[in-house]
Amino acid sequence: MAAAELCEAASFSFAPHNASGPVATAATLQLALVGPALLMQEMFAPLETEWKHRAALPAVEIHDGYVTPLPGPGIGVVLNPEEMARHPYAVRDMDLFGANSLLSRPVRDDAAAPPAPLT
């Protein structure tokens, strides 16, 4: 919240980054709801796997690009242990710099050249 307040004091907006699951989404939405100078909230709720909306209830609802505030106390969700047990945590190697990484994709020949560094 301190970063959001600093943005407001400097007349900047802020956009919280959230590339996590439904619990992190619920927590980040609480910040977005009370944070001054909010520009937008990044989240992957509409793109998550089909079961994640059942792991933390109620599911985030998005209508015309706007989120309905979660109604429950705290961060607004209750964990569903039965659904969570169906999808146990699995360790995965993201291999960010390996041959199959998104970061190692070849640059297209027709891609624009990167901008020159500022001097």
PDB file of N, CA and C in Angstrom:
ATOM      1  N   MET A   1       0.824  -1.187   0.000  1.00  0.00           N
ATOM      2  CA  MET A   1       0.000   0.000   0.000  1.00  0.00           C
ATOM      3  C   MET A   1       0.867   1.250   0.000  1.00  0.00           C
ATOM      4  N   ALA A   2       2.034   1.173   0.615  1.00  0.00           N
ATOM      5  CA  ALA A   2       2.920   2.334   0.654  1.00  0.00           C
ATOM      6  C   ALA A   2       3.318   2.769  -0.753  1.00  0.00           C
ATOM      7  N   ALA A   3       3.566   1.805  -1.645  1.00  0.00           N
ATOM      8  CA  ALA A   3       3.932   2.159  -3.019  1.00  0.00           C
ATOM      9  C   ALA A   3       2.782   2.876  -3.713  1.00  0.00           C
ATOM     10  N   ALA A   4       1.547   2.439  -3.467  1.00  0.00           N
ATOM     11  CA  ALA A   4       0.382   3.105  -4.052  1.00  0.00           C
ATOM     12  C   ALA A   4       0.249   4.534  -3.523  1.00  0.00           C
ATOM     13  N   GLU A   5       0.518   4.717  -2.242  1.00  0.00           N
ATOM     14  CA  GLU A   5       0.448   6.060  -1.660  1.00  0.00           C
ATOM     15  C   GLU A   5       1.544   6.963  -2.217  1.00  0.00           C
ATOM     16  N   LEU A   6       2.742   6.411  -2.440  1.00  0.00           N
ATOM     17  CA  LEU A   6       3.813   7.195  -3.058  1.00  0.00           C
ATOM     18  C   LEU A   6       3.434   7.607  -4.474  1.00  0.00           C
ATOM     19  N   CYS A   7       2.794   6.709  -5.203  1.00  0.00           N
ATOM     20  CA  CYS A   7       2.339   7.052  -6.553  1.00  0.00           C
ATOM     21  C   CYS A   7       1.345   8.214  -6.503  1.00  0.00           C
ATOM     22  N   GLU A   8       0.409   8.139  -5.573  1.00  0.00           N
ATOM     23  CA  GLU A   8      -0.572   9.213  -5.458  1.00  0.00           C
ATOM     24  C   GLU A   8       0.101  10.540  -5.120  1.00  0.00           C
ATOM     25  N   ALA A   9       1.053  10.521  -4.190  1.00  0.00           N
ATOM     26  CA  ALA A   9       1.738  11.750  -3.785  1.00  0.00           C
ATOM     27  C   ALA A   9       2.512  12.367  -4.952  1.00  0.00           C
ATOM     28  N   ALA A  10       2.990  11.525  -5.874  1.00  0.00           N
ATOM     29  CA  ALA A  10       3.760  12.026  -7.016  1.00  0.00           C
ATOM     30  C   ALA A  10       2.885  12.218  -8.259  1.00  0.00           C
ATOM     31  N   SER A  11       1.577  12.086  -8.107  1.00  0.00           N
ATOM     32  CA  SER A  11       0.613  12.223  -9.215  1.00  0.00           C
ATOM     33  C   SER A  11       0.826  11.176 -10.310  1.00  0.00           C
ATOM     34  N   PHE A  12       1.196   9.969  -9.895  1.00  0.00           N
ATOM     35  CA  PHE A  12       1.323   8.842 -10.811  1.00  0.00           C
ATOM     36  C   PHE A  12       0.225   7.847 -10.505  1.00  0.00           C
ATOM     37  N   SER A  13      -0.180   7.104 -11.513  1.00  0.00           N
ATOM     38  CA  SER A  13      -1.104   6.001 -11.273  1.00  0.00           C
ATOM     39  C   SER A  13      -0.286   4.729 -11.060  1.00  0.00           C
ATOM     40  N   PHE A  14      -0.936   3.684 -10.596  1.00  0.00           N
ATOM     41  CA  PHE A  14      -0.248   2.405 -10.411  1.00  0.00           C
ATOM     42  C   PHE A  14      -1.128   1.284 -10.938  1.00  0.00           C
ATOM     43  N   ALA A  15      -0.474   0.183 -11.338  1.00  0.00           N
ATOM     44  CA  ALA A  15      -1.166  -0.978 -11.876  1.00  0.00           C
ATOM     45  C   ALA A  15      -0.525  -2.223 -11.269  1.00  0.00           C
ATOM     46  N   PRO A  16      -1.118  -2.784 -10.214  1.00  0.00           N
ATOM     47  CA  PRO A  16      -0.523  -3.956  -9.569  1.00  0.00           C
ATOM     48  C   PRO A  16      -0.382  -5.132 -10.530  1.00  0.00           C
ATOM     49  N   HIS A  17       0.775  -5.768 -10.480  1.00  0.00           N
ATOM     50  CA  HIS A  17       1.069  -6.950 -11.299  1.00  0.00           C
ATOM     51  C   HIS A  17       0.655  -8.187 -10.517  1.00  0.00           C
ATOM     52  N   ASN A  18      -0.151  -9.028 -11.113  1.00  0.00           N
ATOM     53  CA  ASN A  18      -0.564 -10.265 -10.467  1.00  0.00           C
ATOM     54  C   ASN A  18      -0.651 -11.361 -11.516  1.00  0.00           C
ATOM     55  N   ALA A  19       0.326 -12.221 -11.534  1.00  0.00           N
ATOM     56  CA  ALA A  19       0.330 -13.351 -12.461  1.00  0.00           C
ATOM     57  C   ALA A  19       0.192 -14.654 -11.686  1.00  0.00           C
ATOM     58  N   SER A  20      -0.551 -14.615 -10.589  1.00  0.00           N
ATOM     59  CA  SER A  20      -0.672 -15.774  -9.711  1.00  0.00           C
ATOM     60  C   SER A  20      -2.086 -16.323  -9.733  1.00  0.00           C
ATOM     61  N   GLY A  21      -2.388 -17.199  -8.807  1.00  0.00           N
ATOM     62  CA  GLY A  21      -3.678 -17.867  -8.751  1.00  0.00           C
ATOM     63  C   GLY A  21      -4.757 -17.068  -8.056  1.00  0.00           C
ATOM     64  N   PRO A  22      -5.883 -17.720  -7.737  1.00  0.00           N
ATOM     65  CA  PRO A  22      -7.053 -17.023  -7.230  1.00  0.00           C
ATOM     66  C   PRO A  22      -6.878 -16.376  -5.854  1.00  0.00           C
ATOM     67  N   VAL A  23      -6.049 -16.921  -4.995  1.00  0.00           N
ATOM     68  CA  VAL A  23      -5.837 -16.309  -3.678  1.00  0.00           C
ATOM     69  C   VAL A  23      -5.050 -15.007  -3.834  1.00  0.00           C
ATOM     70  N   ALA A  24      -3.982 -15.041  -4.619  1.00  0.00           N
ATOM     71  CA  ALA A  24      -3.216 -13.818  -4.867  1.00  0.00           C
ATOM     72  C   ALA A  24      -4.067 -12.793  -5.608  1.00  0.00           C
ATOM     73  N   THR A  25      -4.922 -13.253  -6.504  1.00  0.00           N
ATOM     74  CA  THR A  25      -5.817 -12.338  -7.211  1.00  0.00           C
ATOM     75  C   THR A  25      -6.751 -11.646  -6.226  1.00  0.00           C
ATOM     76  N   ALA A  26      -7.327 -12.397  -5.298  1.00  0.00           N
ATOM     77  CA  ALA A  26      -8.223 -11.814  -4.301  1.00  0.00           C
ATOM     78  C   ALA A  26      -7.491 -10.786  -3.445  1.00  0.00           C
ATOM     79  N   ALA A  27      -6.271 -11.115  -3.018  1.00  0.00           N
ATOM     80  CA  ALA A  27      -5.496 -10.188  -2.189  1.00  0.00           C
ATOM     81  C   ALA A  27      -5.131  -8.925  -2.964  1.00  0.00           C
ATOM     82  N   THR A  28      -4.724  -9.082  -4.209  1.00  0.00           N
ATOM     83  CA  THR A  28      -4.337  -7.930  -5.008  1.00  0.00           C
ATOM     84  C   THR A  28      -5.546  -7.058  -5.331  1.00  0.00           C
ATOM     85  N   LEU A  29      -6.703  -7.672  -5.510  1.00  0.00           N
ATOM     86  CA  LEU A  29      -7.914  -6.894  -5.751  1.00  0.00           C
ATOM     87  C   LEU A  29      -8.267  -6.023  -4.549  1.00  0.00           C
ATOM     88  N   GLN A  30      -7.995  -6.507  -3.338  1.00  0.00           N
ATOM     89  CA  GLN A  30      -8.243  -5.685  -2.156  1.00  0.00           C
ATOM     90  C   GLN A  30      -7.391  -4.412  -2.198  1.00  0.00           C
ATOM     91  N   LEU A  31      -6.140  -4.564  -2.584  1.00  0.00           N
ATOM     92  CA  LEU A  31      -5.266  -3.401  -2.738  1.00  0.00           C
ATOM     93  C   LEU A  31      -5.816  -2.472  -3.817  1.00  0.00           C
ATOM     94  N   ALA A  32      -6.236  -3.041  -4.931  1.00  0.00           N
ATOM     95  CA  ALA A  32      -6.757  -2.231  -6.028  1.00  0.00           C
ATOM     96  C   ALA A  32      -8.008  -1.461  -5.610  1.00  0.00           C
ATOM     97  N   LEU A  33      -8.839  -2.076  -4.774  1.00  0.00           N
ATOM     98  CA  LEU A  33     -10.077  -1.415  -4.347  1.00  0.00           C
ATOM     99  C   LEU A  33      -9.844  -0.211  -3.446  1.00  0.00           C
ATOM    100  N   VAL A  34      -8.806  -0.260  -2.645  1.00  0.00           N
ATOM    101  CA  VAL A  34      -8.574   0.841  -1.696  1.00  0.00           C
ATOM    102  C   VAL A  34      -7.388   1.713  -2.065  1.00  0.00           C
ATOM    103  N   GLY A  35      -6.586   1.259  -3.028  1.00  0.00           N
ATOM    104  CA  GLY A  35      -5.386   1.999  -3.388  1.00  0.00           C
ATOM    105  C   GLY A  35      -5.709   3.271  -4.143  1.00  0.00           C
ATOM    106  N   PRO A  36      -5.127   4.361  -3.730  1.00  0.00           N
ATOM    107  CA  PRO A  36      -5.338   5.606  -4.460  1.00  0.00           C
ATOM    108  C   PRO A  36      -4.613   5.545  -5.804  1.00  0.00           C
ATOM    109  N   ALA A  37      -5.130   6.229  -6.772  1.00  0.00           N
ATOM    110  CA  ALA A  37      -4.488   6.401  -8.074  1.00  0.00           C
ATOM    111  C   ALA A  37      -4.382   5.109  -8.882  1.00  0.00           C
ATOM    112  N   LEU A  38      -5.291   4.170  -8.684  1.00  0.00           N
ATOM    113  CA  LEU A  38      -5.265   2.917  -9.437  1.00  0.00           C
ATOM    114  C   LEU A  38      -5.519   3.186 -10.911  1.00  0.00           C
ATOM    115  N   LEU A  39      -4.668   2.648 -11.767  1.00  0.00           N
ATOM    116  CA  LEU A  39      -4.885   2.712 -13.211  1.00  0.00           C
ATOM    117  C   LEU A  39      -5.665   1.484 -13.666  1.00  0.00           C
ATOM    118  N   MET A  40      -5.141   0.313 -13.332  1.00  0.00           N
ATOM    119  CA  MET A  40      -5.802  -0.940 -13.682  1.00  0.00           C
ATOM    120  C   MET A  40      -5.199  -2.058 -12.847  1.00  0.00           C
ATOM    121  N   GLN A  41      -5.876  -3.198 -12.847  1.00  0.00           N
ATOM    122  CA  GLN A  41      -5.413  -4.372 -12.128  1.00  0.00           C
ATOM    123  C   GLN A  41      -5.106  -5.465 -13.135  1.00  0.00           C
ATOM    124  N   GLU A  42      -3.856  -5.913 -13.179  1.00  0.00           N
ATOM    125  CA  GLU A  42      -3.507  -7.024 -14.043  1.00  0.00           C
ATOM    126  C   GLU A  42      -3.857  -8.319 -13.330  1.00  0.00           C
ATOM    127  N   MET A  43      -4.498  -9.221 -14.051  1.00  0.00           N
ATOM    128  CA  MET A  43      -4.782 -10.543 -13.505  1.00  0.00           C
ATOM    129  C   MET A  43      -5.096 -11.492 -14.642  1.00  0.00           C
ATOM    130  N   PHE A  44      -4.939 -12.764 -14.357  1.00  0.00           N
ATOM    131  CA  PHE A  44      -5.184 -13.785 -15.361  1.00  0.00           C
ATOM    132  C   PHE A  44      -6.441 -14.593 -15.048  1.00  0.00           C
ATOM    133  N   ALA A  45      -7.309 -14.088 -14.187  1.00  0.00           N
ATOM    134  CA  ALA A  45      -8.493 -14.841 -13.777  1.00  0.00           C
ATOM    135  C   ALA A  45      -9.295 -15.388 -14.956  1.00  0.00           C
ATOM    136  N   PRO A  46      -9.549 -14.630 -16.007  1.00  0.00           N
ATOM    137  CA  PRO A  46     -10.330 -15.214 -17.110  1.00  0.00           C
ATOM    138  C   PRO A  46      -9.558 -16.277 -17.890  1.00  0.00           C
ATOM    139  N   LEU A  47      -8.235 -16.303 -17.765  1.00  0.00           N
ATOM    140  CA  LEU A  47      -7.418 -17.223 -18.543  1.00  0.00           C
ATOM    141  C   LEU A  47      -6.925 -18.413 -17.733  1.00  0.00           C
ATOM    142  N   GLU A  48      -7.270 -18.493 -16.458  1.00  0.00           N
ATOM    143  CA  GLU A  48      -6.766 -19.568 -15.613  1.00  0.00           C
ATOM    144  C   GLU A  48      -7.400 -20.895 -16.002  1.00  0.00           C
ATOM    145  N   THR A  49      -6.827 -21.985 -15.493  1.00  0.00           N
ATOM    146  CA  THR A  49      -7.373 -23.309 -15.762  1.00  0.00           C
ATOM    147  C   THR A  49      -8.810 -23.391 -15.280  1.00  0.00           C
ATOM    148  N   GLU A  50      -9.552 -24.304 -15.839  1.00  0.00           N
ATOM    149  CA  GLU A  50     -10.991 -24.360 -15.564  1.00  0.00           C
ATOM    150  C   GLU A  50     -11.350 -24.648 -14.118  1.00  0.00           C
ATOM    151  N   TRP A  51     -10.442 -25.186 -13.319  1.00  0.00           N
ATOM    152  CA  TRP A  51     -10.773 -25.557 -11.940  1.00  0.00           C
ATOM    153  C   TRP A  51     -10.396 -24.492 -10.911  1.00  0.00           C
ATOM    154  N   LYS A  52      -9.554 -23.537 -11.247  1.00  0.00           N
ATOM    155  CA  LYS A  52      -9.075 -22.587 -10.232  1.00  0.00           C
ATOM    156  C   LYS A  52     -10.193 -21.744  -9.621  1.00  0.00           C
ATOM    157  N   HIS A  53     -11.242 -21.483 -10.378  1.00  0.00           N
ATOM    158  CA  HIS A  53     -12.346 -20.705  -9.813  1.00  0.00           C
ATOM    159  C   HIS A  53     -13.102 -21.477  -8.735  1.00  0.00           C
ATOM    160  N   ARG A  54     -12.871 -22.791  -8.648  1.00  0.00           N
ATOM    161  CA  ARG A  54     -13.501 -23.600  -7.595  1.00  0.00           C
ATOM    162  C   ARG A  54     -12.595 -23.771  -6.378  1.00  0.00           C
ATOM    163  N   ALA A  55     -11.330 -23.413  -6.480  1.00  0.00           N
ATOM    164  CA  ALA A  55     -10.381 -23.586  -5.375  1.00  0.00           C
ATOM    165  C   ALA A  55     -10.507 -22.483  -4.339  1.00  0.00           C
ATOM    166  N   ALA A  56     -10.882 -21.306  -4.746  1.00  0.00           N
ATOM    167  CA  ALA A  56     -11.091 -20.171  -3.839  1.00  0.00           C
ATOM    168  C   ALA A  56     -12.432 -19.554  -4.212  1.00  0.00           C
ATOM    169  N   LEU A  57     -13.378 -19.656  -3.301  1.00  0.00           N
ATOM    170  CA  LEU A  57     -14.755 -19.218  -3.576  1.00  0.00           C
ATOM    171  C   LEU A  57     -15.094 -17.923  -2.845  1.00  0.00           C
ATOM    172  N   PRO A  58     -15.852 -17.053  -3.439  1.00  0.00           N
ATOM    173  CA  PRO A  58     -16.427 -17.122  -4.771  1.00  0.00           C
ATOM    174  C   PRO A  58     -15.402 -16.749  -5.829  1.00  0.00           C
ATOM    175  N   ALA A  59     -15.694 -17.124  -7.055  1.00  0.00           N
ATOM    176  CA  ALA A  59     -14.801 -16.800  -8.174  1.00  0.00           C
ATOM    177  C   ALA A  59     -14.875 -15.302  -8.474  1.00  0.00           C
ATOM    178  N   VAL A  60     -13.795 -14.770  -9.003  1.00  0.00           N
ATOM    179  CA  VAL A  60     -13.768 -13.373  -9.438  1.00  0.00           C
ATOM    180  C   VAL A  60     -14.689 -13.232 -10.637  1.00  0.00           C
ATOM    181  N   GLU A  61     -15.555 -12.226 -10.591  1.00  0.00           N
ATOM    182  CA  GLU A  61     -16.468 -11.962 -11.706  1.00  0.00           C
ATOM    183  C   GLU A  61     -16.038 -10.687 -12.405  1.00  0.00           C
ATOM    184  N   ILE A  62     -15.951 -10.766 -13.730  1.00  0.00           N
ATOM    185  CA  ILE A  62     -15.560  -9.608 -14.533  1.00  0.00           C
ATOM    186  C   ILE A  62     -16.685  -9.312 -15.510  1.00  0.00           C
ATOM    187  N   HIS A  63     -17.160  -8.070 -15.494  1.00  0.00           N
ATOM    188  CA  HIS A  63     -18.228  -7.631 -16.393  1.00  0.00           C
ATOM    189  C   HIS A  63     -17.782  -6.347 -17.079  1.00  0.00           C
ATOM    190  N   ASP A  64     -17.706  -6.392 -18.402  1.00  0.00           N
ATOM    191  CA  ASP A  64     -17.310  -5.212 -19.188  1.00  0.00           C
ATOM    192  C   ASP A  64     -15.990  -4.616 -18.713  1.00  0.00           C
ATOM    193  N   GLY A  65     -15.053  -5.478 -18.310  1.00  0.00           N
ATOM    194  CA  GLY A  65     -13.737  -5.016 -17.889  1.00  0.00           C
ATOM    195  C   GLY A  65     -13.652  -4.564 -16.444  1.00  0.00           C
ATOM    196  N   TYR A  66     -14.733  -4.687 -15.692  1.00  0.00           N
ATOM    197  CA  TYR A  66     -14.746  -4.280 -14.287  1.00  0.00           C
ATOM    198  C   TYR A  66     -14.957  -5.499 -13.401  1.00  0.00           C
ATOM    199  N   VAL A  67     -14.322  -5.480 -12.246  1.00  0.00           N
ATOM    200  CA  VAL A  67     -14.411  -6.586 -11.305  1.00  0.00           C
ATOM    201  C   VAL A  67     -15.440  -6.271 -10.226  1.00  0.00           C
ATOM    202  N   THR A  68     -16.258  -7.263  -9.914  1.00  0.00           N
ATOM    203  CA  THR A  68     -17.192  -7.128  -8.794  1.00  0.00           C
ATOM    204  C   THR A  68     -16.412  -7.399  -7.512  1.00  0.00           C
ATOM    205  N   PRO A  69     -16.444  -6.486  -6.533  1.00  0.00           N
ATOM    206  CA  PRO A  69     -15.714  -6.735  -5.274  1.00  0.00           C
ATOM    207  C   PRO A  69     -16.158  -8.049  -4.632  1.00  0.00           C
ATOM    208  N   LEU A  70     -15.196  -8.777  -4.091  1.00  0.00           N
ATOM    209  CA  LEU A  70     -15.496 -10.049  -3.446  1.00  0.00           C
ATOM    210  C   LEU A  70     -16.218  -9.777  -2.121  1.00  0.00           C
ATOM    211  N   PRO A  71     -17.287 -10.503  -1.834  1.00  0.00           N
ATOM    212  CA  PRO A  71     -18.146 -10.155  -0.704  1.00  0.00           C
ATOM    213  C   PRO A  71     -17.692 -10.628   0.674  1.00  0.00           C
ATOM    214  N   GLY A  72     -16.797 -11.577   0.753  1.00  0.00           N
ATOM    215  CA  GLY A  72     -16.447 -12.165   2.043  1.00  0.00           C
ATOM    216  C   GLY A  72     -15.514 -11.306   2.873  1.00  0.00           C
ATOM    217  N   PRO A  73     -15.319 -11.687   4.136  1.00  0.00           N
ATOM    218  CA  PRO A  73     -14.378 -10.956   4.999  1.00  0.00           C
ATOM    219  C   PRO A  73     -12.931 -11.220   4.583  1.00  0.00           C
ATOM    220  N   GLY A  74     -12.022 -10.452   5.116  1.00  0.00           N
ATOM    221  CA  GLY A  74     -10.604 -10.621   4.791  1.00  0.00           C
ATOM    222  C   GLY A  74     -10.356 -10.292   3.341  1.00  0.00           C
ATOM    223  N   ILE A  75      -9.715 -11.205   2.622  1.00  0.00           N
ATOM    224  CA  ILE A  75      -9.472 -10.948   1.207  1.00  0.00           C
ATOM    225  C   ILE A  75     -10.669 -11.337   0.340  1.00  0.00           C
ATOM    226  N   GLY A  76     -11.724 -11.857   0.952  1.00  0.00           N
ATOM    227  CA  GLY A  76     -12.973 -12.074   0.234  1.00  0.00           C
ATOM    228  C   GLY A  76     -13.215 -13.473  -0.293  1.00  0.00           C
ATOM    229  N   VAL A  77     -12.273 -14.393  -0.098  1.00  0.00           N
ATOM    230  CA  VAL A  77     -12.474 -15.761  -0.591  1.00  0.00           C
ATOM    231  C   VAL A  77     -12.304 -16.770   0.538  1.00  0.00           C
ATOM    232  N   VAL A  78     -12.886 -17.932   0.338  1.00  0.00           N
ATOM    233  CA  VAL A  78     -12.741 -19.064   1.247  1.00  0.00           C
ATOM    234  C   VAL A  78     -12.158 -20.205   0.427  1.00  0.00           C
ATOM    235  N   LEU A  79     -11.134 -20.849   0.958  1.00  0.00           N
ATOM    236  CA  LEU A  79     -10.497 -21.950   0.239  1.00  0.00           C
ATOM    237  C   LEU A  79     -11.378 -23.186   0.264  1.00  0.00           C
ATOM    238  N   ASN A  80     -11.372 -23.927  -0.830  1.00  0.00           N
ATOM    239  CA  ASN A  80     -12.122 -25.161  -0.969  1.00  0.00           C
ATOM    240  C   ASN A  80     -11.120 -26.317  -0.913  1.00  0.00           C
ATOM    241  N   PRO A  81     -10.909 -26.927   0.266  1.00  0.00           N
ATOM    242  CA  PRO A  81      -9.881 -27.953   0.403  1.00  0.00           C
ATOM    243  C   PRO A  81     -10.103 -29.176  -0.482  1.00  0.00           C
ATOM    244  N   GLU A  82     -11.349 -29.537  -0.755  1.00  0.00           N
ATOM    245  CA  GLU A  82     -11.612 -30.692  -1.602  1.00  0.00           C
ATOM    246  C   GLU A  82     -11.105 -30.442  -3.030  1.00  0.00           C
ATOM    247  N   GLU A  83     -11.382 -29.265  -3.548  1.00  0.00           N
ATOM    248  CA  GLU A  83     -10.913 -28.941  -4.903  1.00  0.00           C
ATOM    249  C   GLU A  83      -9.399 -28.819  -4.935  1.00  0.00           C
ATOM    250  N   MET A  84      -8.827 -28.238  -3.898  1.00  0.00           N
ATOM    251  CA  MET A  84      -7.372 -28.095  -3.839  1.00  0.00           C
ATOM    252  C   MET A  84      -6.698 -29.472  -3.790  1.00  0.00           C
ATOM    253  N   ALA A  85      -7.296 -30.431  -3.092  1.00  0.00           N
ATOM    254  CA  ALA A  85      -6.717 -31.778  -2.990  1.00  0.00           C
ATOM    255  C   ALA A  85      -6.714 -32.493  -4.346  1.00  0.00           C
ATOM    256  N   ARG A  86      -7.650 -32.134  -5.216  1.00  0.00           N
ATOM    257  CA  ARG A  86      -7.684 -32.735  -6.555  1.00  0.00           C
ATOM    258  C   ARG A  86      -6.546 -32.241  -7.449  1.00  0.00           C
ATOM    259  N   HIS A  87      -5.912 -31.156  -7.050  1.00  0.00           N
ATOM    260  CA  HIS A  87      -4.866 -30.529  -7.876  1.00  0.00           C
ATOM    261  C   HIS A  87      -3.660 -30.189  -7.001  1.00  0.00           C
ATOM    262  N   PRO A  88      -2.924 -31.203  -6.533  1.00  0.00           N
ATOM    263  CA  PRO A  88      -1.801 -30.934  -5.632  1.00  0.00           C
ATOM    264  C   PRO A  88      -0.695 -30.152  -6.339  1.00  0.00           C
ATOM    265  N   TYR A  89       0.056 -29.454  -5.538  1.00  0.00           N
ATOM    266  CA  TYR A  89       1.182 -28.677  -6.053  1.00  0.00           C
ATOM    267  C   TYR A  89       2.183 -29.601  -6.725  1.00  0.00           C
ATOM    268  N   ALA A  90       2.672 -29.200  -7.869  1.00  0.00           N
ATOM    269  CA  ALA A  90       3.693 -29.968  -8.588  1.00  0.00           C
ATOM    270  C   ALA A  90       4.863 -29.040  -8.889  1.00  0.00           C
ATOM    271  N   VAL A  91       6.058 -29.471  -8.539  1.00  0.00           N
ATOM    272  CA  VAL A  91       7.256 -28.680  -8.821  1.00  0.00           C
ATOM    273  C   VAL A  91       7.522 -28.742 -10.321  1.00  0.00           C
ATOM    274  N   ARG A  92       7.707 -27.583 -10.914  1.00  0.00           N
ATOM    275  CA  ARG A  92       8.006 -27.518 -12.342  1.00  0.00           C
ATOM    276  C   ARG A  92       9.222 -26.628 -12.545  1.00  0.00           C
ATOM    277  N   ASP A  93      10.083 -27.040 -13.436  1.00  0.00           N
ATOM    278  CA  ASP A  93      11.231 -26.228 -13.804  1.00  0.00           C
ATOM    279  C   ASP A  93      10.793 -25.308 -14.930  1.00  0.00           C
ATOM    280  N   MET A  94      10.792 -24.021 -14.668  1.00  0.00           N
ATOM    281  CA  MET A  94      10.348 -23.080 -15.685  1.00  0.00           C
ATOM    282  C   MET A  94      11.353 -22.942 -16.822  1.00  0.00           C
ATOM    283  N   ASP A  95      12.606 -23.306 -16.582  1.00  0.00           N
ATOM    284  CA  ASP A  95      13.621 -23.296 -17.623  1.00  0.00           C
ATOM    285  C   ASP A  95      13.563 -22.009 -18.446  1.00  0.00           C
ATOM    286  N   LEU A  96      13.672 -20.878 -17.777  1.00  0.00           N
ATOM    287  CA  LEU A  96      13.516 -19.600 -18.450  1.00  0.00           C
ATOM    288  C   LEU A  96      14.533 -19.331 -19.546  1.00  0.00           C
ATOM    289  N   PHE A  97      15.701 -19.917 -19.453  1.00  0.00           N
ATOM    290  CA  PHE A  97      16.740 -19.605 -20.438  1.00  0.00           C
ATOM    291  C   PHE A  97      17.116 -20.797 -21.302  1.00  0.00           C
ATOM    292  N   GLY A  98      16.359 -21.883 -21.234  1.00  0.00           N
ATOM    293  CA  GLY A  98      16.642 -23.057 -22.043  1.00  0.00           C
ATOM    294  C   GLY A  98      16.108 -22.931 -23.458  1.00  0.00           C
ATOM    295  N   ALA A  99      16.335 -23.945 -24.255  1.00  0.00           N
ATOM    296  CA  ALA A  99      15.953 -23.922 -25.667  1.00  0.00           C
ATOM    297  C   ALA A  99      14.445 -23.805 -25.872  1.00  0.00           C
ATOM    298  N   ASN A 100      13.644 -24.302 -24.934  1.00  0.00           N
ATOM    299  CA  ASN A 100      12.187 -24.259 -25.090  1.00  0.00           C
ATOM    300  C   ASN A 100      11.531 -23.095 -24.354  1.00  0.00           C
ATOM    301  N   SER A 101      12.318 -22.196 -23.841  1.00  0.00           N
ATOM    302  CA  SER A 101      11.790 -21.078 -23.078  1.00  0.00           C
ATOM    303  C   SER A 101      11.169 -20.029 -23.980  1.00  0.00           C
ATOM    304  N   LEU A 102      10.147 -19.359 -23.459  1.00  0.00           N
ATOM    305  CA  LEU A 102       9.586 -18.222 -24.185  1.00  0.00           C
ATOM    306  C   LEU A 102      10.625 -17.120 -24.369  1.00  0.00           C
ATOM    307  N   LEU A 103      11.575 -17.041 -23.442  1.00  0.00           N
ATOM    308  CA  LEU A 103      12.589 -15.999 -23.524  1.00  0.00           C
ATOM    309  C   LEU A 103      13.630 -16.280 -24.594  1.00  0.00           C
ATOM    310  N   SER A 104      13.678 -17.499 -25.115  1.00  0.00           N
ATOM    311  CA  SER A 104      14.697 -17.831 -26.106  1.00  0.00           C
ATOM    312  C   SER A 104      14.131 -17.922 -27.519  1.00  0.00           C
ATOM    313  N   ARG A 105      12.931 -17.402 -27.722  1.00  0.00           N
ATOM    314  CA  ARG A 105      12.340 -17.436 -29.063  1.00  0.00           C
ATOM    315  C   ARG A 105      13.180 -16.600 -30.023  1.00  0.00           C
ATOM    316  N   PRO A 106      13.323 -17.043 -31.250  1.00  0.00           N
ATOM    317  CA  PRO A 106      14.096 -16.240 -32.211  1.00  0.00           C
ATOM    318  C   PRO A 106      13.349 -14.951 -32.555  1.00  0.00           C
ATOM    319  N   VAL A 107      14.096 -13.941 -32.851  1.00  0.00           N
ATOM    320  CA  VAL A 107      13.521 -12.663 -33.265  1.00  0.00           C
ATOM    321  C   VAL A 107      13.125 -12.782 -34.727  1.00  0.00           C
ATOM    322  N   ARG A 108      11.931 -12.304 -35.058  1.00  0.00           N
ATOM    323  CA  ARG A 108      11.484 -12.348 -36.457  1.00  0.00           C
ATOM    324  C   ARG A 108      12.308 -11.391 -37.294  1.00  0.00           C
ATOM    325  N   ASP A 109      12.539 -11.734 -38.547  1.00  0.00           N
ATOM    326  CA  ASP A 109      13.285 -10.876 -39.456  1.00  0.00           C
ATOM    327  C   ASP A 109      12.590  -9.551 -39.690  1.00  0.00           C
ATOM    328  N   ASP A 110      11.242  -9.562 -39.651  1.00  0.00           N
ATOM    329  CA  ASP A 110      10.511  -8.328 -39.931  1.00  0.00           C
ATOM    330  C   ASP A 110      10.222  -7.509 -38.673  1.00  0.00           C
ATOM    331  N   ALA A 111      10.740  -7.938 -37.539  1.00  0.00           N
ATOM    332  CA  ALA A 111      10.512  -7.208 -36.287  1.00  0.00           C
ATOM    333  C   ALA A 111      11.274  -5.888 -36.311  1.00  0.00           C
ATOM    334  N   ALA A 112      10.673  -4.892 -35.725  1.00  0.00           N
ATOM    335  CA  ALA A 112      11.324  -3.572 -35.667  1.00  0.00           C
ATOM    336  C   ALA A 112      12.548  -3.641 -34.785  1.00  0.00           C
ATOM    337  N   ALA A 113      13.547  -2.867 -35.143  1.00  0.00           N
ATOM    338  CA  ALA A 113      14.769  -2.802 -34.342  1.00  0.00           C
ATOM    339  C   ALA A 113      14.452  -2.144 -33.007  1.00  0.00           C
ATOM    340  N   PRO A 114      15.114  -2.572 -31.940  1.00  0.00           N
ATOM    341  CA  PRO A 114      14.870  -1.932 -30.644  1.00  0.00           C
ATOM    342  C   PRO A 114      15.324  -0.467 -30.684  1.00  0.00           C
ATOM    343  N   PRO A 115      14.694   0.358 -29.871  1.00  0.00           N
ATOM    344  CA  PRO A 115      15.081   1.766 -29.860  1.00  0.00           C
ATOM    345  C   PRO A 115      16.507   1.938 -29.361  1.00  0.00           C
ATOM    346  N   ALA A 116      17.141   2.963 -29.827  1.00  0.00           N
ATOM    347  CA  ALA A 116      18.506   3.252 -29.390  1.00  0.00           C
ATOM    348  C   ALA A 116      18.488   3.682 -27.932  1.00  0.00           C
ATOM    349  N   PRO A 117      19.529   3.331 -27.166  1.00  0.00           N
ATOM    350  CA  PRO A 117      19.554   3.727 -25.760  1.00  0.00           C
ATOM    351  C   PRO A 117      19.655   5.249 -25.624  1.00  0.00           C
ATOM    352  N   LEU A 118      19.064   5.737 -24.545  1.00  0.00           N
ATOM    353  CA  LEU A 118      19.114   7.174 -24.258  1.00  0.00           C
ATOM    354  C   LEU A 118      20.526   7.540 -23.813  1.00  0.00           C
ATOM    355  N   THR A 119      20.991   8.675 -24.241  1.00  0.00           N
ATOM    356  CA  THR A 119      22.334   9.127 -23.827  1.00  0.00           C
ATOM    357  C   THR A 119      22.234  10.427 -23.075  1.00  0.00           C
TER     358      THR A 119
END
